[in-house]
Amino acid sequence: MSDANSGPANEDEIELVEFETVGTDAEGNIVIDDVVVATDAQGHIIATDETVVVIDAHGDAVIDETVSVVGEDGELHVLEEDVAVLEVDES
């Protein structure tokens, strides 16, 4: 019995790579940027999912998620963008 994964890379194989950074902006807010990149077997980017979270000193947060795919023109195009605002209940 042969191992199907022992030959050349599968042409349909997709690899996910994740990058995360944490820092502060000019106003002192905490900024977390998480990017997931999907690449094809040749290493070309085919899609991205980026989530940026900004947390202020009061604990309020803005979450911005953008999903993009590569079009026939080779450029990334936004498929969906969602923004959520979470506020701390001070009652």
C-alpha atoms as a PDB file:
ATOM      1  CA  MET A   1       0.000   0.000   0.000  1.00  0.00           C
ATOM      2  CA  SER A   2       1.409   3.373  -0.983  1.00  0.00           C
ATOM      3  CA  ASP A   3       1.109   6.620   0.914  1.00  0.00           C
ATOM      4  CA  ALA A   4      -0.898   9.150  -1.127  1.00  0.00           C
ATOM      5  CA  ASN A   5       0.952  12.026   0.568  1.00  0.00           C
ATOM      6  CA  SER A   6       4.439  10.828  -0.320  1.00  0.00           C
ATOM      7  CA  GLY A   7       4.403  12.160  -3.909  1.00  0.00           C
ATOM      8  CA  PRO A   8       4.580  15.733  -5.197  1.00  0.00           C
ATOM      9  CA  ALA A   9       2.496  18.401  -3.493  1.00  0.00           C
ATOM     10  CA  ASN A  10      -1.199  18.146  -4.241  1.00  0.00           C
ATOM     11  CA  GLU A  11      -2.231  20.863  -6.735  1.00  0.00           C
ATOM     12  CA  ASP A  12      -5.402  21.534  -4.702  1.00  0.00           C
ATOM     13  CA  GLU A  13      -3.593  21.838  -1.360  1.00  0.00           C
ATOM     14  CA  ILE A  14      -4.334  24.990   0.654  1.00  0.00           C
ATOM     15  CA  GLU A  15      -2.074  26.120   3.475  1.00  0.00           C
ATOM     16  CA  LEU A  16      -3.125  28.553   6.214  1.00  0.00           C
ATOM     17  CA  VAL A  17      -0.624  30.866   7.874  1.00  0.00           C
ATOM     18  CA  GLU A  18      -1.560  33.127  10.797  1.00  0.00           C
ATOM     19  CA  PHE A  19       0.152  36.330  11.925  1.00  0.00           C
ATOM     20  CA  GLU A  20      -0.753  38.223  15.102  1.00  0.00           C
ATOM     21  CA  THR A  21       0.567  41.531  16.398  1.00  0.00           C
ATOM     22  CA  VAL A  22      -0.285  43.409  19.590  1.00  0.00           C
ATOM     23  CA  GLY A  23       0.544  47.047  20.250  1.00  0.00           C
ATOM     24  CA  THR A  24      -0.843  50.435  21.205  1.00  0.00           C
ATOM     25  CA  ASP A  25      -2.014  53.323  19.049  1.00  0.00           C
ATOM     26  CA  ALA A  26      -1.391  57.069  19.508  1.00  0.00           C
ATOM     27  CA  GLU A  27      -4.327  57.328  21.950  1.00  0.00           C
ATOM     28  CA  GLY A  28      -3.027  54.489  24.147  1.00  0.00           C
ATOM     29  CA  ASN A  29      -5.609  51.939  22.992  1.00  0.00           C
ATOM     30  CA  ILE A  30      -4.599  48.287  22.755  1.00  0.00           C
ATOM     31  CA  VAL A  31      -4.612  47.132  19.113  1.00  0.00           C
ATOM     32  CA  ILE A  32      -4.609  43.450  18.194  1.00  0.00           C
ATOM     33  CA  ASP A  33      -4.235  42.573  14.495  1.00  0.00           C
ATOM     34  CA  ASP A  34      -4.780  38.937  13.502  1.00  0.00           C
ATOM     35  CA  VAL A  35      -4.338  37.941   9.841  1.00  0.00           C
ATOM     36  CA  VAL A  36      -4.934  34.477   8.387  1.00  0.00           C
ATOM     37  CA  VAL A  37      -3.606  33.975   4.844  1.00  0.00           C
ATOM     38  CA  ALA A  38      -4.633  31.058   2.612  1.00  0.00           C
ATOM     39  CA  THR A  39      -2.117  30.067  -0.065  1.00  0.00           C
ATOM     40  CA  ASP A  40      -2.282  27.559  -2.905  1.00  0.00           C
ATOM     41  CA  ALA A  41       0.262  24.794  -3.585  1.00  0.00           C
ATOM     42  CA  GLN A  42       2.546  27.275  -5.381  1.00  0.00           C
ATOM     43  CA  GLY A  43       2.499  29.726  -2.440  1.00  0.00           C
ATOM     44  CA  HIS A  44       0.214  32.304  -4.081  1.00  0.00           C
ATOM     45  CA  ILE A  45      -2.175  34.120  -1.742  1.00  0.00           C
ATOM     46  CA  ILE A  46      -5.765  33.153  -2.542  1.00  0.00           C
ATOM     47  CA  ALA A  47      -7.633  34.613   0.444  1.00  0.00           C
ATOM     48  CA  THR A  48      -7.160  36.561   3.672  1.00  0.00           C
ATOM     49  CA  ASP A  49      -9.121  37.013   6.881  1.00  0.00           C
ATOM     50  CA  GLU A  50      -8.032  39.997   8.971  1.00  0.00           C
ATOM     51  CA  THR A  51      -9.450  40.834  12.378  1.00  0.00           C
ATOM     52  CA  VAL A  52      -8.456  44.069  14.096  1.00  0.00           C
ATOM     53  CA  VAL A  53      -9.532  44.624  17.713  1.00  0.00           C
ATOM     54  CA  VAL A  54      -9.104  48.013  19.397  1.00  0.00           C
ATOM     55  CA  ILE A  55      -9.699  48.153  23.165  1.00  0.00           C
ATOM     56  CA  ASP A  56      -9.797  51.531  24.900  1.00  0.00           C
ATOM     57  CA  ALA A  57      -9.005  52.435  28.523  1.00  0.00           C
ATOM     58  CA  HIS A  58     -12.686  51.986  29.519  1.00  0.00           C
ATOM     59  CA  GLY A  59     -12.728  48.403  28.201  1.00  0.00           C
ATOM     60  CA  ASP A  60     -14.856  49.224  25.162  1.00  0.00           C
ATOM     61  CA  ALA A  61     -13.836  47.324  22.026  1.00  0.00           C
ATOM     62  CA  VAL A  62     -14.237  47.706  18.280  1.00  0.00           C
ATOM     63  CA  ILE A  63     -13.824  44.517  16.261  1.00  0.00           C
ATOM     64  CA  ASP A  64     -13.331  44.847  12.495  1.00  0.00           C
ATOM     65  CA  GLU A  65     -13.147  41.634  10.440  1.00  0.00           C
ATOM     66  CA  THR A  66     -12.463  41.685   6.693  1.00  0.00           C
ATOM     67  CA  VAL A  67     -12.520  38.590   4.450  1.00  0.00           C
ATOM     68  CA  SER A  68     -10.950  38.991   1.006  1.00  0.00           C
ATOM     69  CA  VAL A  69     -10.297  36.693  -1.954  1.00  0.00           C
ATOM     70  CA  VAL A  70      -8.119  37.038  -5.031  1.00  0.00           C
ATOM     71  CA  GLY A  71     -10.078  37.790  -8.180  1.00  0.00           C
ATOM     72  CA  GLU A  72      -9.271  36.912 -11.775  1.00  0.00           C
ATOM     73  CA  ASP A  73      -7.301  40.178 -11.983  1.00  0.00           C
ATOM     74  CA  GLY A  74      -4.895  38.928  -9.291  1.00  0.00           C
ATOM     75  CA  GLU A  75      -5.983  41.575  -6.778  1.00  0.00           C
ATOM     76  CA  LEU A  76      -7.590  41.016  -3.358  1.00  0.00           C
ATOM     77  CA  HIS A  77     -11.303  41.895  -3.263  1.00  0.00           C
ATOM     78  CA  VAL A  78     -13.307  42.298  -0.051  1.00  0.00           C
ATOM     79  CA  LEU A  79     -16.066  39.694   0.206  1.00  0.00           C
ATOM     80  CA  GLU A  80     -17.350  40.686   3.605  1.00  0.00           C
ATOM     81  CA  GLU A  81     -16.561  43.249   6.287  1.00  0.00           C
ATOM     82  CA  ASP A  82     -18.158  43.148   9.724  1.00  0.00           C
ATOM     83  CA  VAL A  83     -17.683  45.754  12.435  1.00  0.00           C
ATOM     84  CA  ALA A  84     -18.889  45.172  15.992  1.00  0.00           C
ATOM     85  CA  VAL A  85     -18.750  47.610  18.895  1.00  0.00           C
ATOM     86  CA  LEU A  86     -18.778  46.209  22.415  1.00  0.00           C
ATOM     87  CA  GLU A  87     -19.281  48.708  25.215  1.00  0.00           C
ATOM     88  CA  VAL A  88     -18.733  48.073  28.914  1.00  0.00           C
ATOM     89  CA  ASP A  89     -21.961  48.368  30.888  1.00  0.00           C
ATOM     90  CA  GLU A  90     -21.204  50.913  33.606  1.00  0.00           C
ATOM     91  CA  SER A  91     -24.483  50.470  35.497  1.00  0.00           C
END
